Protein backbone atom coordinates (compact mmCIF):
# COMPACT_ATOMS: atom_id res chain seq x y z
CA MET A 1 63.48 128.63 24.08
CA ASN A 2 60.90 128.44 27.02
CA ILE A 3 58.89 125.29 27.18
CA PRO A 4 55.32 125.77 28.41
CA LYS A 5 54.88 124.66 32.15
CA GLN A 6 52.02 122.12 31.03
CA LYS A 7 54.26 120.68 28.30
CA LYS A 8 57.20 120.25 30.64
CA PHE A 9 55.19 118.63 33.17
CA PHE A 10 53.95 116.28 30.70
CA TYR A 11 57.40 115.42 29.48
CA LEU A 12 58.51 114.90 33.24
CA LYS A 13 55.60 112.55 33.88
CA ASN A 14 56.42 110.39 30.83
CA VAL A 15 60.04 110.21 31.87
CA PHE A 16 59.13 109.34 35.45
CA ILE A 17 56.76 106.58 34.23
CA ALA A 18 59.32 105.21 31.84
CA SER A 19 62.09 105.17 34.45
CA LEU A 20 59.72 103.38 36.89
CA LEU A 21 58.77 100.79 34.25
CA ILE A 22 62.45 100.04 33.26
CA THR A 23 63.29 99.83 37.14
CA LEU A 24 60.51 97.51 37.75
CA ILE A 25 61.35 95.17 34.80
CA PHE A 26 65.05 94.91 35.47
CA THR A 27 64.43 94.48 39.18
CA VAL A 28 61.83 91.50 38.65
CA TYR A 29 63.91 89.90 35.49
CA TRP A 30 67.59 90.61 36.27
CA GLN A 31 68.00 87.14 37.60
CA VAL A 32 67.65 85.78 34.12
CA THR A 33 71.21 87.01 33.26
CA ASN A 34 72.60 84.24 35.65
CA HIS A 35 70.53 81.42 33.93
CA ASP A 36 71.63 78.68 31.43
CA PHE A 37 70.52 77.56 28.24
CA ILE A 38 67.83 74.83 28.63
CA SER A 39 67.56 71.62 26.59
CA LEU A 40 64.41 72.30 24.82
CA ASP A 41 64.98 74.22 21.67
CA ASP A 42 68.01 76.28 22.88
CA ALA A 43 70.25 73.73 21.55
CA ALA A 44 68.28 73.78 18.06
CA TYR A 45 68.42 77.58 18.09
CA VAL A 46 71.75 78.36 19.48
CA THR A 47 74.21 75.79 21.20
CA ASP A 48 73.93 73.01 18.54
CA ASN A 49 73.03 75.16 15.51
CA ASP A 50 75.94 75.54 13.08
CA LEU A 51 74.05 78.31 11.24
CA VAL A 52 73.99 80.48 14.12
CA LYS A 53 77.70 79.52 15.41
CA GLY A 54 78.89 80.40 11.97
CA GLY A 55 78.44 84.04 12.99
CA LEU A 56 76.84 87.03 10.74
CA THR A 57 78.41 86.29 7.28
CA ALA A 58 76.95 86.74 3.86
CA LYS A 59 76.71 82.92 3.56
CA GLY A 60 74.87 82.76 6.94
CA ILE A 61 72.37 85.51 6.00
CA THR A 62 71.44 83.89 2.77
CA GLU A 63 70.94 80.45 4.64
CA ALA A 64 68.81 82.30 7.12
CA PHE A 65 66.42 83.26 4.37
CA THR A 66 66.35 79.81 2.77
CA THR A 67 66.36 77.35 5.73
CA THR A 68 63.21 76.00 7.43
CA GLN A 69 65.22 74.64 10.62
CA ALA A 70 63.05 73.92 13.70
CA CYS A 71 60.09 73.89 11.16
CA ASN A 72 60.04 77.83 11.17
CA TRP A 73 60.84 80.36 8.61
CA HIS A 74 61.97 83.33 10.50
CA PRO A 75 65.28 84.73 9.02
CA LEU A 76 65.61 87.86 10.97
CA THR A 77 65.45 85.65 14.28
CA TRP A 78 68.21 83.51 13.11
CA ILE A 79 70.20 86.71 12.18
CA SER A 80 69.52 88.06 15.59
CA HIS A 81 70.86 84.99 17.31
CA MET A 82 74.07 85.06 14.77
CA ILE A 83 74.76 88.63 16.06
CA ASP A 84 74.43 87.43 19.63
CA PHE A 85 76.88 84.69 19.05
CA GLY A 86 79.40 86.97 17.35
CA PHE A 87 79.40 89.16 20.27
CA PHE A 88 78.87 86.96 23.27
CA GLY A 89 79.53 83.43 21.89
CA LEU A 90 77.78 80.72 24.21
CA ASN A 91 77.52 83.00 27.35
CA PRO A 92 73.71 82.24 28.00
CA GLY A 93 73.62 85.31 30.47
CA MET A 94 74.30 87.91 27.60
CA HIS A 95 71.69 86.17 25.26
CA HIS A 96 68.95 86.38 28.02
CA LEU A 97 69.86 90.01 28.44
CA VAL A 98 69.15 90.80 24.82
CA ASN A 99 65.69 89.24 25.28
CA LEU A 100 65.27 91.32 28.40
CA ILE A 101 66.09 94.67 26.56
CA PHE A 102 63.70 93.65 23.85
CA HIS A 103 61.01 93.04 26.44
CA THR A 104 61.64 96.38 28.08
CA LEU A 105 61.58 98.20 24.74
CA ASN A 106 58.34 96.45 24.00
CA SER A 107 56.84 97.67 27.29
CA LEU A 108 57.83 101.14 26.75
CA LEU A 109 56.51 101.28 23.25
CA LEU A 110 53.24 99.72 24.32
CA PHE A 111 52.96 102.73 26.90
CA CYS A 112 53.88 105.30 24.14
CA ILE A 113 51.22 103.87 21.72
CA LEU A 114 48.47 103.86 24.04
CA GLN A 115 49.23 107.25 25.27
CA GLN A 116 49.55 108.79 21.73
CA LEU A 117 46.19 106.98 20.79
CA THR A 118 44.18 107.84 23.99
CA GLY A 119 45.94 110.65 25.69
CA ALA A 120 45.30 108.71 29.00
CA THR A 121 48.59 108.58 30.55
CA TRP A 122 48.06 106.53 33.64
CA ARG A 123 45.71 103.91 32.09
CA SER A 124 48.31 103.50 29.42
CA ALA A 125 51.10 103.04 32.19
CA ALA A 126 48.87 100.47 33.79
CA VAL A 127 48.47 98.43 30.56
CA ALA A 128 52.27 98.75 30.14
CA VAL A 129 53.00 97.53 33.55
CA LEU A 130 50.62 94.58 33.35
CA PHE A 131 52.34 93.63 30.12
CA ALA A 132 55.81 94.05 31.61
CA ILE A 133 55.32 91.71 34.58
CA HIS A 134 52.57 89.32 34.07
CA PRO A 135 53.94 85.79 34.80
CA LEU A 136 52.54 84.42 31.63
CA HIS A 137 55.02 86.50 29.69
CA VAL A 138 57.91 85.03 31.44
CA GLU A 139 58.29 82.21 28.90
CA SER A 140 58.68 84.67 25.98
CA VAL A 141 61.38 86.52 27.92
CA ALA A 142 63.27 83.99 30.03
CA TRP A 143 63.40 81.32 27.11
CA ILE A 144 66.44 82.14 24.78
CA ALA A 145 64.68 80.17 21.88
CA GLU A 146 61.77 82.57 22.21
CA ARG A 147 63.71 85.41 20.94
CA LYS A 148 61.24 85.35 18.02
CA ASP A 149 58.58 86.52 20.40
CA VAL A 150 60.18 89.67 21.85
CA LEU A 151 61.64 90.55 18.41
CA SER A 152 58.59 90.26 16.42
CA THR A 153 56.56 92.29 18.93
CA PHE A 154 59.08 94.83 18.84
CA PHE A 155 58.31 95.47 14.99
CA TRP A 156 54.62 94.95 15.78
CA MET A 157 54.87 97.88 18.17
CA LEU A 158 56.92 99.98 15.60
CA THR A 159 54.31 99.12 12.83
CA ILE A 160 51.62 100.52 15.06
CA MET A 161 53.55 103.50 15.73
CA GLY A 162 54.04 104.23 12.04
CA TYR A 163 50.46 103.55 11.44
CA ILE A 164 49.47 106.18 14.14
CA ARG A 165 51.51 108.62 12.28
CA TYR A 166 50.21 107.59 8.94
CA THR A 167 46.72 108.29 9.95
CA ARG A 168 47.69 111.79 10.95
CA PHE A 169 49.89 112.78 8.10
CA LYS A 170 48.76 110.44 5.15
CA SER A 171 52.19 110.46 3.54
CA PHE A 172 53.75 107.81 1.26
CA LYS A 173 56.99 107.92 3.18
CA THR A 174 55.26 107.13 6.55
CA TYR A 175 53.27 104.20 4.97
CA PHE A 176 56.39 102.95 3.41
CA ILE A 177 58.20 102.79 6.82
CA MET A 178 55.14 101.30 8.48
CA LEU A 179 55.12 98.53 5.71
CA LEU A 180 58.94 98.03 6.16
CA CYS A 181 58.55 97.55 10.01
CA TYR A 182 55.61 94.92 9.35
CA ILE A 183 57.75 93.01 6.96
CA LEU A 184 60.72 92.90 9.56
CA GLY A 185 58.08 91.65 12.01
CA LEU A 186 56.94 88.97 9.81
CA LEU A 187 60.61 87.99 9.25
CA SER A 188 60.85 87.43 12.89
CA LYS A 189 57.74 85.55 13.69
CA PRO A 190 54.79 84.79 11.32
CA MET A 191 52.27 85.20 14.21
CA LEU A 192 52.15 88.90 13.07
CA VAL A 193 49.72 88.06 10.25
CA THR A 194 46.87 89.16 12.47
CA LEU A 195 48.25 92.83 12.85
CA PRO A 196 46.12 94.21 9.83
CA PHE A 197 43.20 93.16 11.65
CA ALA A 198 44.27 94.70 14.96
CA LEU A 199 44.77 97.91 13.08
CA LEU A 200 41.17 97.89 12.01
CA LEU A 201 40.20 97.49 15.54
CA LEU A 202 42.33 100.74 16.47
CA ASP A 203 40.48 102.47 13.64
CA PHE A 204 37.46 101.94 15.50
CA TRP A 205 38.78 102.68 18.92
CA PRO A 206 40.46 104.92 19.88
CA LEU A 207 41.30 106.55 16.32
CA ASN A 208 37.55 106.65 15.74
CA ARG A 209 37.70 106.17 12.03
CA TRP A 210 34.68 104.00 11.54
CA ASN A 211 31.93 106.57 12.69
CA ILE A 212 29.43 103.85 11.40
CA PHE A 213 27.32 104.15 14.68
CA LEU A 214 26.96 107.91 14.35
CA LYS A 215 23.84 109.68 12.98
CA GLU A 216 24.34 112.42 10.30
CA THR A 217 23.52 115.04 12.89
CA GLU A 218 26.15 113.66 15.25
CA ILE A 219 28.76 113.53 12.56
CA LYS A 220 27.98 117.22 11.71
CA PHE A 221 28.43 118.04 15.33
CA ILE A 222 31.74 116.48 15.46
CA SER A 223 33.28 117.36 12.25
CA GLY A 224 31.51 120.70 11.25
CA ASN A 225 30.42 118.69 8.00
CA CYS A 226 27.32 116.74 7.13
CA VAL A 227 28.49 113.51 6.03
CA SER A 228 25.99 110.90 4.62
CA LEU A 229 26.06 107.43 5.95
CA LYS A 230 26.76 106.15 2.43
CA GLU A 231 29.78 108.31 2.60
CA GLN A 232 30.58 106.73 6.13
CA ARG A 233 30.42 103.09 4.60
CA ALA A 234 32.83 104.25 1.70
CA ARG A 235 35.29 105.44 4.34
CA LEU A 236 34.97 102.06 6.18
CA ILE A 237 35.73 100.44 2.90
CA ASN A 238 38.74 102.61 2.44
CA LEU A 239 40.07 101.42 5.78
CA PHE A 240 40.26 97.95 4.30
CA ILE A 241 41.58 99.06 0.91
CA GLU A 242 44.57 101.16 2.61
CA LYS A 243 45.50 97.92 4.35
CA ILE A 244 45.71 95.65 1.10
CA PRO A 245 49.47 95.67 1.02
CA LEU A 246 49.58 94.49 4.80
CA PHE A 247 46.91 91.78 4.03
CA LEU A 248 48.95 90.35 1.05
CA LEU A 249 52.11 90.38 3.09
CA ALA A 250 50.07 88.46 5.79
CA PHE A 251 48.89 85.97 3.01
CA ILE A 252 52.17 85.36 1.71
CA SER A 253 53.68 84.72 5.28
CA CYS A 254 50.88 82.14 5.87
CA GLY A 255 51.88 80.29 2.70
CA ILE A 256 55.57 80.12 3.76
CA THR A 257 54.70 79.27 7.30
CA LEU A 258 52.49 76.34 6.19
CA TYR A 259 55.26 75.15 4.16
CA ALA A 260 58.05 75.52 6.67
CA GLN A 261 55.71 73.71 9.36
CA ARG A 262 54.52 71.08 6.99
CA GLY A 263 56.45 68.47 9.14
CA ALA A 264 55.00 69.67 12.51
CA ILE A 265 51.40 70.10 11.42
CA LYS A 266 49.29 67.62 13.32
CA SER A 267 45.93 68.76 12.07
CA LEU A 268 45.42 65.50 10.10
CA ASP A 269 45.99 63.44 13.18
CA LEU A 270 43.31 65.20 15.04
CA SER A 271 39.51 65.68 14.11
CA LEU A 272 38.33 69.24 13.42
CA ILE A 273 35.92 68.92 16.58
CA THR A 274 38.83 68.00 18.72
CA ARG A 275 40.87 70.86 17.67
CA ILE A 276 37.87 73.36 18.11
CA SER A 277 37.23 71.71 21.41
CA ASN A 278 40.84 72.35 22.60
CA ALA A 279 40.85 76.02 21.04
CA VAL A 280 37.74 77.14 22.93
CA ASN A 281 38.98 75.50 26.05
CA SER A 282 42.43 77.08 25.69
CA TYR A 283 40.76 80.64 25.32
CA VAL A 284 39.02 80.19 28.55
CA ILE A 285 42.13 78.64 30.39
CA TYR A 286 44.17 81.65 29.19
CA LEU A 287 41.65 83.97 30.87
CA ILE A 288 41.68 82.07 34.09
CA LYS A 289 45.47 81.97 34.08
CA THR A 290 45.46 85.77 33.50
CA MET A 291 43.67 86.21 36.97
CA TRP A 292 45.37 83.24 38.60
CA PRO A 293 48.91 82.74 36.92
CA PHE A 294 49.80 79.51 38.83
CA ASP A 295 50.72 75.94 37.57
CA LEU A 296 52.46 77.39 34.65
CA ALA A 297 54.46 74.72 32.79
CA LEU A 298 57.12 74.48 30.08
CA PHE A 299 54.68 72.34 28.08
CA TYR A 300 50.92 71.50 28.19
CA PRO A 301 50.26 68.12 26.58
CA PHE A 302 47.30 67.66 24.29
CA TYR A 303 44.61 65.79 26.31
CA TYR A 304 40.99 64.64 25.78
CA ILE A 305 38.30 67.34 26.51
CA ASN A 306 35.14 66.56 27.86
CA PRO A 307 32.35 67.72 25.19
CA LEU A 308 30.39 69.22 27.86
CA CYS A 309 33.44 71.08 29.00
CA ALA A 310 33.93 72.41 25.41
CA ILE A 311 30.39 73.59 25.20
CA LEU A 312 30.43 75.37 28.39
CA CYS A 313 33.64 77.26 27.33
CA ALA A 314 32.17 78.19 23.88
CA LEU A 315 29.12 79.54 25.81
CA ILE A 316 31.34 81.73 28.12
CA LEU A 317 33.12 83.17 24.97
CA CYS A 318 29.71 83.88 23.26
CA LEU A 319 28.42 85.58 26.38
CA ILE A 320 31.48 87.81 26.77
CA SER A 321 31.31 88.64 22.96
CA LEU A 322 27.65 89.45 23.06
CA SER A 323 28.16 91.64 26.36
CA VAL A 324 30.93 93.80 24.85
CA LEU A 325 28.83 94.21 21.60
CA ALA A 326 26.06 95.25 23.62
CA VAL A 327 28.00 98.21 25.08
CA ILE A 328 29.94 98.94 22.08
CA LYS A 329 28.79 102.50 21.73
CA ARG A 330 29.12 103.35 25.40
CA LEU A 331 32.47 101.34 26.14
CA PRO A 332 34.15 100.61 22.91
CA TYR A 333 37.48 99.75 24.59
CA LEU A 334 35.89 96.58 25.79
CA THR A 335 34.86 95.36 22.45
CA VAL A 336 38.48 96.28 20.90
CA GLY A 337 40.17 94.55 23.91
CA TRP A 338 38.10 91.43 23.73
CA PHE A 339 38.37 90.96 19.95
CA TRP A 340 42.15 91.90 20.04
CA TYR A 341 42.50 88.94 22.50
CA LEU A 342 40.29 86.54 20.29
CA GLY A 343 41.86 87.59 16.99
CA THR A 344 45.51 87.87 17.64
CA LEU A 345 45.42 84.28 19.20
CA ILE A 346 43.88 82.63 16.08
CA PRO A 347 47.23 81.64 14.54
CA VAL A 348 48.24 79.66 17.54
CA ILE A 349 44.98 78.51 19.09
CA GLY A 350 45.24 75.14 17.54
CA ILE A 351 42.75 75.16 14.73
CA VAL A 352 45.76 74.37 12.61
CA GLN A 353 47.64 72.17 15.18
CA ILE A 354 51.34 72.76 15.16
CA GLY A 355 53.31 70.42 17.58
CA GLY A 356 51.85 68.34 20.30
CA GLN A 357 51.02 71.01 22.85
CA SER A 358 47.36 72.14 23.66
CA MET A 359 48.45 75.61 24.46
CA ALA A 360 51.57 77.61 25.58
CA ASP A 361 52.26 80.66 27.85
CA ARG A 362 54.27 82.40 25.17
CA TYR A 363 51.37 82.59 22.85
CA THR A 364 49.75 85.09 25.13
CA TYR A 365 52.45 87.79 24.64
CA ILE A 366 50.57 89.95 22.21
CA PRO A 367 46.88 88.98 22.76
CA PHE A 368 46.90 89.82 26.49
CA ILE A 369 47.34 93.50 25.54
CA GLY A 370 43.70 93.47 24.68
CA ILE A 371 42.70 91.92 28.09
CA PHE A 372 44.99 94.50 29.89
CA ILE A 373 43.24 97.35 28.10
CA MET A 374 39.85 96.04 29.36
CA ILE A 375 41.05 95.85 32.83
CA ALA A 376 42.57 99.21 33.00
CA TRP A 377 39.93 101.22 31.29
CA SER A 378 36.92 99.64 32.71
CA PHE A 379 38.36 99.66 36.40
CA THR A 380 39.28 103.32 36.06
CA ASP A 381 35.86 104.17 34.63
CA LEU A 382 34.02 102.33 37.68
CA ILE A 383 36.14 104.41 39.94
CA GLU A 384 35.27 107.81 38.07
CA ARG A 385 31.53 106.73 37.82
CA TRP A 386 31.27 105.94 41.50
CA ARG A 387 32.97 109.25 42.31
CA LEU A 388 35.65 107.54 44.44
CA SER A 389 39.07 109.14 45.31
CA ARG A 390 42.22 108.27 43.52
CA THR A 391 43.51 106.43 46.48
CA THR A 392 40.71 103.83 45.79
CA LEU A 393 42.20 103.33 42.44
CA TRP A 394 46.01 103.17 43.30
CA ILE A 395 45.99 101.11 46.47
CA PRO A 396 44.53 97.92 44.74
CA PHE A 397 46.62 98.65 41.69
CA ALA A 398 49.77 98.71 43.83
CA VAL A 399 48.66 95.34 45.75
CA VAL A 400 48.25 93.67 42.47
CA LEU A 401 51.58 95.06 41.15
CA ILE A 402 53.28 93.63 44.24
CA LEU A 403 51.59 90.14 43.96
CA LEU A 404 52.36 89.70 40.19
CA SER A 405 55.89 91.15 40.58
CA ALA A 406 56.53 88.54 43.34
CA ARG A 407 54.77 85.69 41.22
CA THR A 408 56.76 86.64 38.10
CA HIS A 409 60.19 86.85 40.00
CA ASP A 410 59.23 83.00 41.28
CA GLN A 411 58.45 82.00 37.87
CA ILE A 412 61.45 83.42 36.29
CA GLY A 413 63.63 81.46 39.01
CA LEU A 414 62.26 78.14 37.44
CA TRP A 415 63.99 78.84 34.21
CA LYS A 416 67.43 78.89 35.64
CA ASP A 417 68.29 75.43 34.08
CA SER A 418 66.47 72.58 32.37
CA GLU A 419 66.40 70.19 35.65
CA THR A 420 64.66 72.95 37.68
CA LEU A 421 62.44 73.78 34.89
CA CYS A 422 61.29 70.32 34.18
CA ARG A 423 60.95 68.97 37.77
CA HIS A 424 58.55 71.66 38.22
CA ALA A 425 56.55 70.89 35.13
CA LEU A 426 56.39 67.16 36.31
CA LYS A 427 55.05 68.27 39.71
CA ILE A 428 52.07 69.87 37.89
CA ASN A 429 51.59 66.97 35.54
CA TYR A 430 53.70 63.77 35.75
CA ASP A 431 52.31 62.52 32.52
CA ASN A 432 54.32 65.51 30.74
CA TYR A 433 56.40 63.60 28.14
CA VAL A 434 58.21 66.67 26.94
CA ALA A 435 59.39 67.43 30.57
CA HIS A 436 60.45 63.79 31.03
CA CYS A 437 62.61 63.92 27.77
CA ASP A 438 64.19 67.26 28.69
CA LEU A 439 64.78 66.13 32.15
CA ALA A 440 66.51 63.12 30.79
CA LEU A 441 68.80 65.07 28.65
CA ALA A 442 69.68 67.31 31.52
CA LEU A 443 70.40 64.26 33.88
CA LYS A 444 72.50 62.51 31.14
CA LYS A 445 74.71 65.80 30.82
CA LYS A 446 75.29 65.76 34.49
CA GLY A 447 76.10 62.05 34.43
CA ASP A 448 73.16 60.53 35.92
CA VAL A 449 72.62 57.86 33.14
CA ASP A 450 70.25 55.76 35.28
CA GLY A 451 68.08 58.81 35.85
CA ALA A 452 68.17 59.54 32.13
CA ILE A 453 67.24 55.95 31.30
CA MET A 454 64.22 56.10 33.69
CA HIS A 455 62.97 59.38 32.29
CA TYR A 456 63.31 58.20 28.79
CA LYS A 457 61.36 55.15 29.54
CA GLU A 458 58.65 57.37 30.99
CA VAL A 459 58.44 59.28 27.75
CA LEU A 460 57.97 56.02 25.98
CA ARG A 461 55.36 55.00 28.19
CA LEU A 462 53.41 58.06 27.22
CA ASN A 463 54.55 58.34 23.72
CA PRO A 464 55.99 55.02 22.15
CA GLU A 465 56.67 56.49 18.92
CA ASN A 466 58.95 59.53 20.21
CA CYS A 467 61.98 59.37 18.03
CA VAL A 468 64.15 61.60 20.24
CA ALA A 469 63.49 59.27 23.34
CA ASN A 470 63.95 56.08 21.37
CA ASN A 471 67.25 57.29 19.70
CA ASN A 472 68.66 58.57 23.12
CA LEU A 473 67.31 55.71 25.10
CA GLY A 474 68.80 53.26 22.52
CA THR A 475 72.33 54.96 22.59
CA LEU A 476 72.42 55.05 26.54
CA LEU A 477 71.39 51.34 26.83
CA SER A 478 74.08 50.31 24.18
CA GLN A 479 76.68 52.26 26.16
CA THR A 480 75.62 50.44 29.42
CA GLY A 481 75.94 46.97 28.07
CA GLN A 482 72.28 46.38 26.93
CA LYS A 483 73.14 46.32 23.24
CA ASP A 484 70.14 44.17 21.90
CA GLU A 485 67.47 46.43 23.84
CA GLY A 486 69.44 49.54 22.68
CA ILE A 487 69.30 48.32 19.06
CA GLN A 488 65.46 47.89 19.08
CA HIS A 489 64.87 51.33 20.22
CA LEU A 490 67.14 52.74 17.53
CA LEU A 491 65.28 50.60 14.86
CA THR A 492 61.98 51.94 16.35
CA ALA A 493 63.16 55.43 15.84
CA LEU A 494 63.94 54.78 12.30
CA LYS A 495 60.71 53.04 11.68
CA VAL A 496 58.93 56.09 12.72
CA ASN A 497 61.14 58.56 10.72
CA PRO A 498 63.51 56.73 8.39
CA HIS A 499 65.56 60.03 7.58
CA LEU A 500 67.36 60.22 10.96
CA ALA A 501 71.08 60.57 10.27
CA ASP A 502 72.21 60.53 13.78
CA THR A 503 70.17 57.49 14.60
CA TYR A 504 71.86 55.61 11.63
CA TYR A 505 75.29 56.94 12.97
CA ASN A 506 74.33 55.59 16.54
CA LEU A 507 73.62 52.34 15.18
CA GLY A 508 76.81 52.23 13.34
CA ILE A 509 78.67 52.99 16.44
CA VAL A 510 76.88 50.16 18.30
CA TYR A 511 77.83 47.55 15.60
CA TYR A 512 81.48 48.96 15.12
CA GLN A 513 81.96 48.59 18.89
CA SER A 514 80.42 44.95 18.81
CA GLY A 515 83.16 44.27 16.02
CA ASN A 516 80.64 43.91 13.09
CA SER A 517 82.41 46.47 10.91
CA ARG A 518 80.52 45.51 7.75
CA LYS A 519 77.20 46.20 9.40
CA ALA A 520 78.58 49.41 10.84
CA MET A 521 79.64 50.76 7.70
CA GLU A 522 76.17 50.17 6.16
CA TYR A 523 74.62 52.36 8.83
CA PHE A 524 77.40 54.98 8.59
CA GLN A 525 76.62 55.24 4.81
CA LYS A 526 72.96 55.49 5.26
CA ALA A 527 73.86 58.35 7.90
CA LEU A 528 75.95 59.90 5.18
CA GLN A 529 73.16 59.78 2.60
CA GLU A 530 70.71 61.48 5.01
CA LYS A 531 73.23 64.18 5.95
CA PRO A 532 76.00 64.79 3.34
CA GLY A 533 79.07 65.86 5.11
CA HIS A 534 78.28 63.98 8.54
CA THR A 535 81.63 64.22 10.07
CA GLY A 536 81.13 61.30 12.43
CA ALA A 537 79.80 58.95 9.81
CA VAL A 538 82.81 59.77 7.34
CA GLU A 539 85.11 58.79 10.30
CA GLY A 540 83.25 55.73 11.04
CA ILE A 541 83.37 54.58 7.43
CA ASN A 542 87.07 55.06 7.21
CA ALA A 543 87.57 53.05 10.69
CA SER A 544 85.26 50.38 9.48
CA LEU A 545 87.23 49.95 6.10
CA LYS A 546 90.31 49.83 8.02
CA ASN A 547 89.05 47.12 10.16
CA LEU A 548 87.81 45.15 7.32
CA GLN A 549 90.93 45.45 5.37
CA GLU A 550 92.99 44.12 8.46
CA THR A 551 90.49 41.16 8.90
CA GLU A 552 90.99 40.22 5.34
CA LYS A 553 94.72 40.18 5.53
């Protein structure tokens, strides 16, 4: 069968762009396959996680759907880690490679989606390239514990592809496949609750399913049928109705997530004004980092925001919003891109504060697609409006591409191990207590006990009630002969959280080594109460009983 020349060229062009995209991503990111696990979360997600290390079993899959480990409910993410462990064990390079493959697939799917929606091949390619190599996306790819980001985005993209097909063919089968992809995405990470709203934006542009701004004569000119404005509003309502199953799934996911993260929610510790101030400030900082992606850190501590700064940021956001709405008929992609950015960030912007961070690079993985659409389409439109040559378009884009690739390559290098990553974070902000804590863990592993103790003390200077630092510092001090001070830190950890099985166990060890077997057995028993089956606690109880029996003889 002869393929038309024009269609053949179209396919060859797509293959060429896809090949370039894959080559670019692997060239920039390949070093990640030589990186190690890091202390923060990789232990909780993989290296010290008995659920994951048990491999892919029926019991493991059941547990994945019932556990809220790491204050999250994302069973498909746990299952993906189980599969990795089954194939690769604790080889960090292969775990990193899987993340890289998902990121590559996400970039390719984004290109395909935008091209199908708009027919604009090169603009779609530009958005996909920016998505693929922007430095703020490094955290989502180079951090093994962030598998949930790249995995959930993979299903986000598949859901949108299913939706595009559904809008064209309106079949129940297509809708069901789309719904299934969305469910799998929510099972990977609940941040996908904003997807139904993102689909409504795509309905407006580029699918043009709203038509609420068109006059009846314009509608007749486009469709050949005279459709009343009343009928148009009915169609708009139908756009919401057809997404009711998606909204219901999102609502259920929100409920499960709030339950799973109930221990990590900090909203009650911070006033609503404080959280809103941080949210508007973060929106603007993310925009700044889009254009100037420097001083990127593992963790951004929550800090006091000047009210005037928060008001200024709010005004900037309002000004941009009003500006894109003012040109909504002429430049609809600006409205869609901007509200995509604002909307998809809502679950993680901090109105409901989860954890102690003020913001995080990984949160931009999906939201920045909207910003990249705004950049690619508006820049191309300007070139066409000014009737400039294509060289005017490609030269600056090539320069930006080279600069971003170099910056991303450097940023990836910082993720090679915990010590490198944390020392970089402390250069940006020495009061980063999470960086101090993780650096202490890394130094302890390499045998630098004095360095670990120093950094744990820095954590407690900044955050006196930090349970991890109090537990680990107490253990290290006890091991170096400073038992009284060590015990005080362990007791402080239990005062903050009386359900720490390992801290009870560590206290038991300290008292056992001091010769106080009765006191040691008391703490071993408490450890066993908090964590039934705690192997160390069982062994400690048996050893303490043996000592007591020998003493009585």
